């Protein structure tokens, strides 16, 4: 009897699950693999929409829930949540006994999961390493997870080189593209009328998709950044605006409060939604621009030929297409960028944009590598010294 390799996917947020969804499908349908899932963070929080239910609605069984106290999103609260997460994941992973753990990105709850897996001698596969986001503490977390991980699935060749530069063996670093672009290729497209019915909100001729997350390296700037953005949106009263709520980082409560107030004050044209789930890509398709500082504006929007107004430093350092307009959090600059994004000239210029992140059936490639790699041999890591190997 063949023993199937057990792969544990860990997810803590709606955005992360959107990127992992395709990989979970690939693992679940492979007869040689067994999918187990561990859910934590905002997925389990009523304040953030209890999005674990979306995972269950998609037909996935959740094998472990690791709750974190997200009520205190100060730096001290986040540090305590990491400790709580390490303890919870240690217990859950010891019970699940996976052959491999898969984590994505750079959030603090994922750092907790990686620490627990490392100490339990469970090989770690990390997706989206090697990237830089100078405006967020996530930047350091991402690199820390890279050093704990044993397999690396990066989204572009420059990121592959950076992971190798960090001492990781080139034989364990794979440029597979971005799993988020797989989702674009496979998402069910719906009509504008269907989307309006799902959201209970009428779209106009011009629509904006807005997502603003805290800048955790400059938390004192989050309130001003939000006020500057909302003042800029006031310059476009003819536009409908869909706002998705910020993630559970330091400073998110301030941003959330201001966004919710704005939506209430402009209910006839603004809708604040906790999570769009699988409707996110459809909403982007019917939007004239993506505005804020989400990675989706850097990765997914260019693939859909949609302009992005990227505010502040949260995404500073990531590869970007020329469809991304970088601005500081000043109302006049944001207004000018939106006007540029709406212009016929700019829309024409990005109609043939080539995104720096390729769609390469990433989820299938990752699944195949997870399936074929000798997991036990990964545990002993040697530092790959680039200078000695030139």
Protein backbone atom coordinates (compact mmCIF):
# COMPACT_ATOMS: atom_id res chain seq x y z
CA UNK A 1 0.00 0.00 0.00
CA UNK A 2 1.39 3.35 -1.07
CA UNK A 3 1.62 5.97 1.70
CA UNK A 4 0.61 9.32 0.35
CA UNK A 5 2.82 12.31 1.08
CA UNK A 6 1.02 14.67 3.48
CA UNK A 7 1.28 18.36 2.55
CA UNK A 8 0.12 20.94 5.09
CA UNK A 9 -1.00 24.30 3.69
CA UNK A 10 -1.04 27.12 6.23
CA UNK A 11 -3.08 30.27 5.66
CA UNK A 12 -3.91 33.25 7.85
CA UNK A 13 -5.59 35.80 5.59
CA UNK A 14 -8.04 36.14 2.71
CA UNK A 15 -5.40 37.49 0.30
CA UNK A 16 -3.00 34.66 1.05
CA UNK A 17 -5.72 32.03 0.61
CA UNK A 18 -6.53 33.52 -2.79
CA UNK A 19 -2.96 32.77 -3.87
CA UNK A 20 -2.90 29.28 -2.29
CA UNK A 21 -6.32 28.17 -3.54
CA UNK A 22 -5.02 26.78 -6.85
CA UNK A 23 -2.21 24.85 -5.18
CA UNK A 24 -4.66 23.36 -2.70
CA UNK A 25 -6.80 22.18 -5.61
CA UNK A 26 -3.78 20.61 -7.31
CA UNK A 27 -2.71 18.76 -4.17
CA UNK A 28 -6.24 17.60 -3.37
CA UNK A 29 -6.73 15.97 -6.77
CA UNK A 30 -3.35 14.20 -6.88
CA UNK A 31 -3.74 10.57 -5.79
CA UNK A 32 -0.17 10.49 -4.44
CA UNK A 33 -0.67 13.44 -2.10
CA UNK A 34 -2.79 14.16 0.95
CA UNK A 35 -3.86 17.76 1.65
CA UNK A 36 -4.17 18.98 5.22
CA UNK A 37 -4.93 22.59 6.11
CA UNK A 38 -4.13 24.73 9.13
CA UNK A 39 -5.95 28.05 9.46
CA UNK A 40 -5.04 30.98 11.69
CA UNK A 41 -5.01 34.77 12.01
CA UNK A 42 -7.70 36.92 10.44
CA UNK A 43 -9.46 33.86 9.00
CA UNK A 44 -10.75 33.08 12.49
CA UNK A 45 -11.60 36.63 13.55
CA UNK A 46 -15.20 37.96 13.44
CA UNK A 47 -13.79 41.46 13.01
CA UNK A 48 -12.08 40.42 9.79
CA UNK A 49 -15.02 38.46 8.42
CA UNK A 50 -14.28 34.90 9.63
CA UNK A 51 -13.05 34.07 6.15
CA UNK A 52 -12.28 30.46 7.09
CA UNK A 53 -15.88 29.88 6.00
CA UNK A 54 -14.82 30.73 2.42
CA UNK A 55 -12.28 27.91 2.58
CA UNK A 56 -14.98 25.49 3.73
CA UNK A 57 -17.41 26.72 1.07
CA UNK A 58 -14.77 25.92 -1.54
CA UNK A 59 -14.91 22.32 -0.36
CA UNK A 60 -11.72 22.13 1.69
CA UNK A 61 -11.64 20.49 5.10
CA UNK A 62 -9.89 22.50 7.81
CA UNK A 63 -7.82 20.14 9.95
CA UNK A 64 -6.49 22.64 12.49
CA UNK A 65 -7.48 26.09 13.71
CA UNK A 66 -4.87 28.15 15.52
CA UNK A 67 -6.59 31.23 16.98
CA UNK A 68 -4.63 34.41 17.67
CA UNK A 69 -5.62 37.41 19.76
CA UNK A 70 -5.95 40.16 17.12
CA UNK A 71 -7.69 42.62 19.43
CA UNK A 72 -4.40 44.38 20.18
CA UNK A 73 -2.69 45.33 16.92
CA UNK A 74 0.05 47.37 18.54
CA UNK A 75 3.64 46.13 18.08
CA UNK A 76 3.46 44.54 21.55
CA UNK A 77 0.16 42.85 20.65
CA UNK A 78 1.62 41.51 17.40
CA UNK A 79 4.68 40.17 19.21
CA UNK A 80 2.44 38.40 21.73
CA UNK A 81 0.36 36.95 18.88
CA UNK A 82 3.51 35.48 17.33
CA UNK A 83 4.28 33.73 20.62
CA UNK A 84 0.72 32.49 20.80
CA UNK A 85 1.01 31.25 17.23
CA UNK A 86 4.26 29.37 17.81
CA UNK A 87 2.65 27.52 20.71
CA UNK A 88 -0.53 26.74 18.76
CA UNK A 89 1.28 25.59 15.63
CA UNK A 90 3.66 23.43 17.65
CA UNK A 91 0.67 21.56 19.04
CA UNK A 92 -1.22 21.33 15.74
CA UNK A 93 1.72 20.33 13.56
CA UNK A 94 2.81 17.66 16.04
CA UNK A 95 -0.68 16.16 15.76
CA UNK A 96 -0.99 16.51 11.99
CA UNK A 97 2.54 15.11 11.32
CA UNK A 98 2.89 16.52 7.79
CA UNK A 99 5.77 15.57 5.50
CA UNK A 100 6.01 19.15 4.28
CA UNK A 101 4.60 22.51 5.35
CA UNK A 102 3.77 25.18 2.76
CA UNK A 103 3.70 28.85 3.73
CA UNK A 104 3.33 31.95 1.60
CA UNK A 105 4.57 35.49 2.00
CA UNK A 106 5.56 37.54 4.95
CA UNK A 107 2.97 37.97 7.67
CA UNK A 108 3.73 37.59 11.35
CA UNK A 109 1.38 34.64 11.84
CA UNK A 110 3.27 32.84 9.05
CA UNK A 111 6.51 33.61 10.87
CA UNK A 112 5.03 31.82 13.89
CA UNK A 113 4.10 28.80 11.78
CA UNK A 114 7.57 28.64 10.24
CA UNK A 115 9.26 28.77 13.64
CA UNK A 116 7.15 25.91 14.93
CA UNK A 117 7.78 23.78 11.82
CA UNK A 118 11.51 24.46 11.98
CA UNK A 119 11.75 23.35 15.60
CA UNK A 120 9.68 20.23 14.83
CA UNK A 121 12.02 19.31 11.95
CA UNK A 122 9.24 19.59 9.36
CA UNK A 123 10.58 20.76 5.96
CA UNK A 124 9.20 24.16 4.94
CA UNK A 125 8.32 25.28 1.41
CA UNK A 126 8.06 29.06 1.05
CA UNK A 127 6.25 30.89 -1.75
CA UNK A 128 6.97 34.50 -2.81
CA UNK A 129 10.36 34.84 -1.15
CA UNK A 130 13.15 37.12 -2.30
CA UNK A 131 10.93 40.17 -2.69
CA UNK A 132 11.40 43.59 -1.11
CA UNK A 133 8.74 45.78 0.52
CA UNK A 134 10.63 48.51 2.32
CA UNK A 135 7.59 50.18 3.86
CA UNK A 136 6.52 47.19 5.94
CA UNK A 137 8.02 45.04 8.69
CA UNK A 138 6.91 42.17 6.44
CA UNK A 139 10.16 42.75 4.53
CA UNK A 140 12.26 41.39 7.40
CA UNK A 141 9.75 38.64 8.18
CA UNK A 142 9.87 37.43 4.59
CA UNK A 143 13.67 37.15 4.63
CA UNK A 144 13.59 35.40 8.02
CA UNK A 145 11.18 32.78 6.67
CA UNK A 146 13.47 32.31 3.66
CA UNK A 147 16.31 31.33 5.97
CA UNK A 148 14.07 28.87 7.82
CA UNK A 149 12.67 27.35 4.61
CA UNK A 150 14.01 24.37 2.68
CA UNK A 151 12.25 24.85 -0.68
CA UNK A 152 11.70 28.23 -2.32
CA UNK A 153 9.12 29.10 -4.97
CA UNK A 154 9.76 32.62 -6.24
CA UNK A 155 7.75 34.77 -8.64
CA UNK A 156 10.52 36.16 -10.88
CA UNK A 157 14.15 35.53 -11.77
CA UNK A 158 15.56 38.54 -9.84
CA UNK A 159 13.90 37.11 -6.71
CA UNK A 160 15.49 33.73 -7.37
CA UNK A 161 18.91 35.37 -7.53
CA UNK A 162 18.24 37.23 -4.28
CA UNK A 163 17.26 34.06 -2.41
CA UNK A 164 20.45 32.38 -3.64
CA UNK A 165 22.38 35.48 -2.55
CA UNK A 166 20.98 34.86 0.94
CA UNK A 167 22.82 31.54 0.99
CA UNK A 168 20.14 29.17 -0.28
CA UNK A 169 21.16 26.29 -2.53
CA UNK A 170 20.17 27.05 -6.18
CA UNK A 171 18.86 23.48 -6.48
CA UNK A 172 16.13 24.36 -3.97
CA UNK A 173 15.08 27.70 -5.52
CA UNK A 174 12.50 27.63 -8.32
CA UNK A 175 11.16 30.49 -10.42
CA UNK A 176 7.56 29.35 -10.92
CA UNK A 177 5.87 32.71 -11.47
CA UNK A 178 3.05 34.03 -9.29
CA UNK A 179 0.23 31.69 -8.18
CA UNK A 180 -2.07 34.72 -8.18
CA UNK A 181 -1.85 34.83 -11.95
CA UNK A 182 -3.01 31.22 -12.12
CA UNK A 183 -6.15 32.35 -10.36
CA UNK A 184 -6.74 35.04 -12.98
CA UNK A 185 -6.49 32.43 -15.73
CA UNK A 186 -9.01 30.14 -14.05
CA UNK A 187 -11.45 32.45 -12.30
CA UNK A 188 -15.06 32.33 -13.44
CA UNK A 189 -15.82 35.62 -15.15
CA UNK A 190 -19.27 37.07 -14.57
CA UNK A 191 -21.19 39.93 -16.13
CA UNK A 192 -21.32 43.38 -14.61
CA UNK A 193 -24.98 42.83 -13.78
CA UNK A 194 -24.15 39.60 -11.92
CA UNK A 195 -21.36 41.35 -10.02
CA UNK A 196 -23.68 44.18 -9.00
CA UNK A 197 -26.23 41.65 -7.77
CA UNK A 198 -23.58 39.78 -5.74
CA UNK A 199 -22.32 42.98 -4.14
CA UNK A 200 -25.70 44.71 -3.86
CA UNK A 201 -24.09 47.82 -5.27
CA UNK A 202 -24.51 49.65 -8.60
CA UNK A 203 -21.41 50.37 -10.65
CA UNK A 204 -21.02 53.55 -12.68
CA UNK A 205 -19.14 54.37 -15.85
CA UNK A 206 -16.01 54.94 -13.74
CA UNK A 207 -15.25 52.60 -10.83
CA UNK A 208 -12.32 52.38 -8.44
CA UNK A 209 -11.12 49.40 -6.42
CA UNK A 210 -9.42 50.66 -3.24
CA UNK A 211 -7.34 48.68 -0.75
CA UNK A 212 -5.17 50.42 1.82
CA UNK A 213 -3.02 48.55 4.34
CA UNK A 214 -0.92 50.03 7.16
CA UNK A 215 2.69 51.01 6.63
CA UNK A 216 4.08 49.13 9.59
CA UNK A 217 7.51 50.77 9.33
CA UNK A 218 5.85 54.19 9.67
CA UNK A 219 2.69 53.61 11.76
CA UNK A 220 2.47 57.29 12.69
CA UNK A 221 1.73 58.03 9.02
CA UNK A 222 -1.27 55.73 8.60
CA UNK A 223 -3.95 58.24 9.63
CA UNK A 224 -2.55 61.00 7.44
CA UNK A 225 -2.12 58.61 4.51
CA UNK A 226 -5.77 57.57 4.72
CA UNK A 227 -7.05 61.13 5.02
CA UNK A 228 -4.98 62.20 2.00
CA UNK A 229 -6.36 59.29 -0.06
CA UNK A 230 -9.98 59.99 0.87
CA UNK A 231 -9.55 63.67 0.05
CA UNK A 232 -8.25 62.64 -3.35
CA UNK A 233 -11.26 60.39 -3.97
CA UNK A 234 -13.51 63.39 -3.27
CA UNK A 235 -12.19 64.88 -6.52
CA UNK A 236 -13.99 62.12 -8.46
CA UNK A 237 -17.64 62.29 -7.33
CA UNK A 238 -18.72 60.62 -10.57
CA UNK A 239 -16.95 57.37 -9.63
CA UNK A 240 -18.26 54.37 -7.74
CA UNK A 241 -15.79 53.05 -5.19
CA UNK A 242 -15.40 49.54 -3.78
CA UNK A 243 -13.19 49.50 -0.69
CA UNK A 244 -11.77 46.30 0.78
CA UNK A 245 -10.71 46.49 4.40
CA UNK A 246 -7.08 46.50 5.64
CA UNK A 247 -5.37 43.45 7.07
CA UNK A 248 -4.60 42.82 10.73
CA UNK A 249 -1.40 44.86 11.08
CA UNK A 250 -0.36 47.61 13.45
CA UNK A 251 -2.36 50.70 12.52
CA UNK A 252 -5.18 48.87 10.75
CA UNK A 253 -7.84 50.04 13.24
CA UNK A 254 -7.24 53.70 12.37
CA UNK A 255 -7.43 53.03 8.65
CA UNK A 256 -10.49 50.81 9.06
CA UNK A 257 -12.35 53.46 11.08
CA UNK A 258 -11.69 56.20 8.52
CA UNK A 259 -12.65 54.00 5.57
CA UNK A 260 -15.89 52.88 7.23
CA UNK A 261 -16.81 56.48 8.06
CA UNK A 262 -16.16 57.52 4.47
CA UNK A 263 -18.33 54.71 3.13
CA UNK A 264 -21.20 55.70 5.45
CA UNK A 265 -20.92 59.36 4.47
CA UNK A 266 -20.98 58.50 0.75
CA UNK A 267 -23.23 55.46 0.77
CA UNK A 268 -24.71 56.32 -2.63
CA UNK A 269 -21.38 55.68 -4.37
CA UNK A 270 -19.03 53.96 -1.90
CA UNK A 271 -19.20 50.43 -0.51
CA UNK A 272 -16.79 49.09 2.13
CA UNK A 273 -16.53 45.28 2.08
CA UNK A 274 -14.46 43.13 4.41
CA UNK A 275 -13.43 40.65 1.74
CA UNK A 276 -14.39 40.19 -1.91
CA UNK A 277 -13.08 36.62 -2.03
CA UNK A 278 -13.34 35.16 -5.52
CA UNK A 279 -15.15 38.31 -6.68
CA UNK A 280 -11.97 40.36 -6.28
CA UNK A 281 -10.66 39.70 -9.79
CA UNK A 282 -14.09 40.33 -11.33
CA UNK A 283 -14.31 43.63 -9.45
CA UNK A 284 -10.85 44.57 -10.70
CA UNK A 285 -11.92 43.79 -14.26
CA UNK A 286 -14.77 46.31 -14.04
CA UNK A 287 -12.66 48.97 -12.34
CA UNK A 288 -10.94 51.85 -14.09
CA UNK A 289 -8.06 51.79 -11.61
CA UNK A 290 -6.72 49.96 -8.56
CA UNK A 291 -5.82 52.41 -5.81
CA UNK A 292 -3.96 51.93 -2.52
CA UNK A 293 -0.93 49.86 -1.55
CA UNK A 294 -1.91 46.22 -1.98
CA UNK A 295 0.40 43.75 -3.70
CA UNK A 296 -2.53 42.93 -6.00
CA UNK A 297 -1.98 46.29 -7.65
CA UNK A 298 1.62 45.28 -8.36
CA UNK A 299 1.07 41.67 -9.46
CA UNK A 300 -2.51 41.01 -10.62
CA UNK A 301 -3.60 44.43 -11.95
CA UNK A 302 -0.88 44.66 -14.65
CA UNK A 303 -1.82 41.18 -15.87
CA UNK A 304 -5.36 42.51 -16.42
CA UNK A 305 -4.03 45.68 -18.12
CA UNK A 306 -5.43 47.79 -15.29
CA UNK A 307 -3.66 50.93 -14.03
CA UNK A 308 -2.51 51.01 -10.43
CA UNK A 309 -2.03 54.07 -8.22
CA UNK A 310 0.41 52.74 -5.64
CA UNK A 311 0.56 54.98 -2.56
CA UNK A 312 3.53 55.27 -0.23
CA UNK A 313 6.38 52.89 0.52
CA UNK A 314 4.65 49.65 1.52
CA UNK A 315 5.43 48.04 -1.87
CA UNK A 316 8.72 49.89 -2.44
CA UNK A 317 11.30 47.52 -3.91
CA UNK A 318 8.98 45.14 -5.73
CA UNK A 319 9.27 44.66 -9.48
CA UNK A 320 6.56 46.63 -11.24
CA UNK A 321 5.15 47.21 -14.71
CA UNK A 322 4.85 50.72 -16.16
CA UNK A 323 1.10 50.47 -15.53
CA UNK A 324 1.89 51.13 -11.85
CA UNK A 325 1.99 54.82 -10.91
CA UNK A 326 3.93 55.35 -7.68
CA UNK A 327 2.96 58.36 -5.59
CA UNK A 328 3.49 59.58 -2.05
CA UNK A 329 0.52 60.03 0.27
CA UNK A 330 -0.33 63.58 -0.78
CA UNK A 331 -3.75 64.47 -2.13
CA UNK A 332 -2.57 66.48 -5.18
CA UNK A 333 -0.20 63.68 -6.21
CA UNK A 334 -2.88 61.01 -5.87
CA UNK A 335 -5.39 63.12 -7.83
CA UNK A 336 -2.87 63.69 -10.61
CA UNK A 337 -2.06 59.97 -10.79
CA UNK A 338 -5.74 59.02 -11.00
CA UNK A 339 -6.26 61.56 -13.77
CA UNK A 340 -3.30 60.06 -15.64
CA UNK A 341 -4.66 56.55 -15.15
CA UNK A 342 -8.03 57.57 -16.59
CA UNK A 343 -6.53 59.27 -19.66
CA UNK A 344 -6.90 57.64 -23.06
CA UNK A 345 -3.18 58.04 -23.68
CA UNK A 346 -2.17 56.10 -20.57
CA UNK A 347 -4.81 53.40 -21.07
CA UNK A 348 -3.54 52.91 -24.60
CA UNK A 349 0.07 52.75 -23.39
CA UNK A 350 -0.66 49.89 -20.97
CA UNK A 351 -2.83 47.88 -23.33
CA UNK A 352 0.26 45.86 -24.29
CA UNK A 353 2.06 45.99 -20.96
CA UNK A 354 4.23 42.96 -20.16
CA UNK A 355 3.98 42.17 -16.44
CA UNK A 356 7.25 41.31 -14.66
CA UNK A 357 5.47 38.36 -13.03
CA UNK A 358 4.72 35.63 -15.52
CA UNK A 359 1.85 33.20 -15.45
CA UNK A 360 3.43 29.78 -15.65
CA UNK A 361 0.81 27.42 -14.23
CA UNK A 362 2.58 28.01 -10.93
CA UNK A 363 0.29 25.91 -8.76
CA UNK A 364 0.86 22.78 -10.86
CA UNK A 365 4.62 23.32 -10.95
CA UNK A 366 4.80 23.80 -7.19
CA UNK A 367 2.71 20.69 -6.59
CA UNK A 368 4.96 18.60 -8.83
CA UNK A 369 8.12 19.76 -7.06
CA UNK A 370 6.56 19.11 -3.64
CA UNK A 371 5.62 15.65 -4.85
CA UNK A 372 8.97 14.67 -6.36
CA UNK A 373 11.44 16.17 -3.87
CA UNK A 374 12.99 13.94 -1.21
CA UNK A 375 11.61 15.82 1.80
CA UNK A 376 13.90 14.29 4.42
CA UNK A 377 17.02 15.25 2.49
CA UNK A 378 16.02 18.92 2.75
CA UNK A 379 16.45 19.16 6.51
CA UNK A 380 20.25 19.43 6.45
CA UNK A 381 20.96 22.82 4.87
CA UNK A 382 24.37 24.02 3.76
CA UNK A 383 25.04 27.70 3.28
CA UNK A 384 25.60 28.41 -0.41
CA UNK A 385 28.38 30.98 -0.60
CA UNK A 386 27.90 32.88 -3.87
CA UNK A 387 31.49 34.17 -4.04
CA UNK A 388 32.95 30.69 -3.62
CA UNK A 389 30.71 29.35 -6.37
CA UNK A 390 31.40 31.99 -9.02
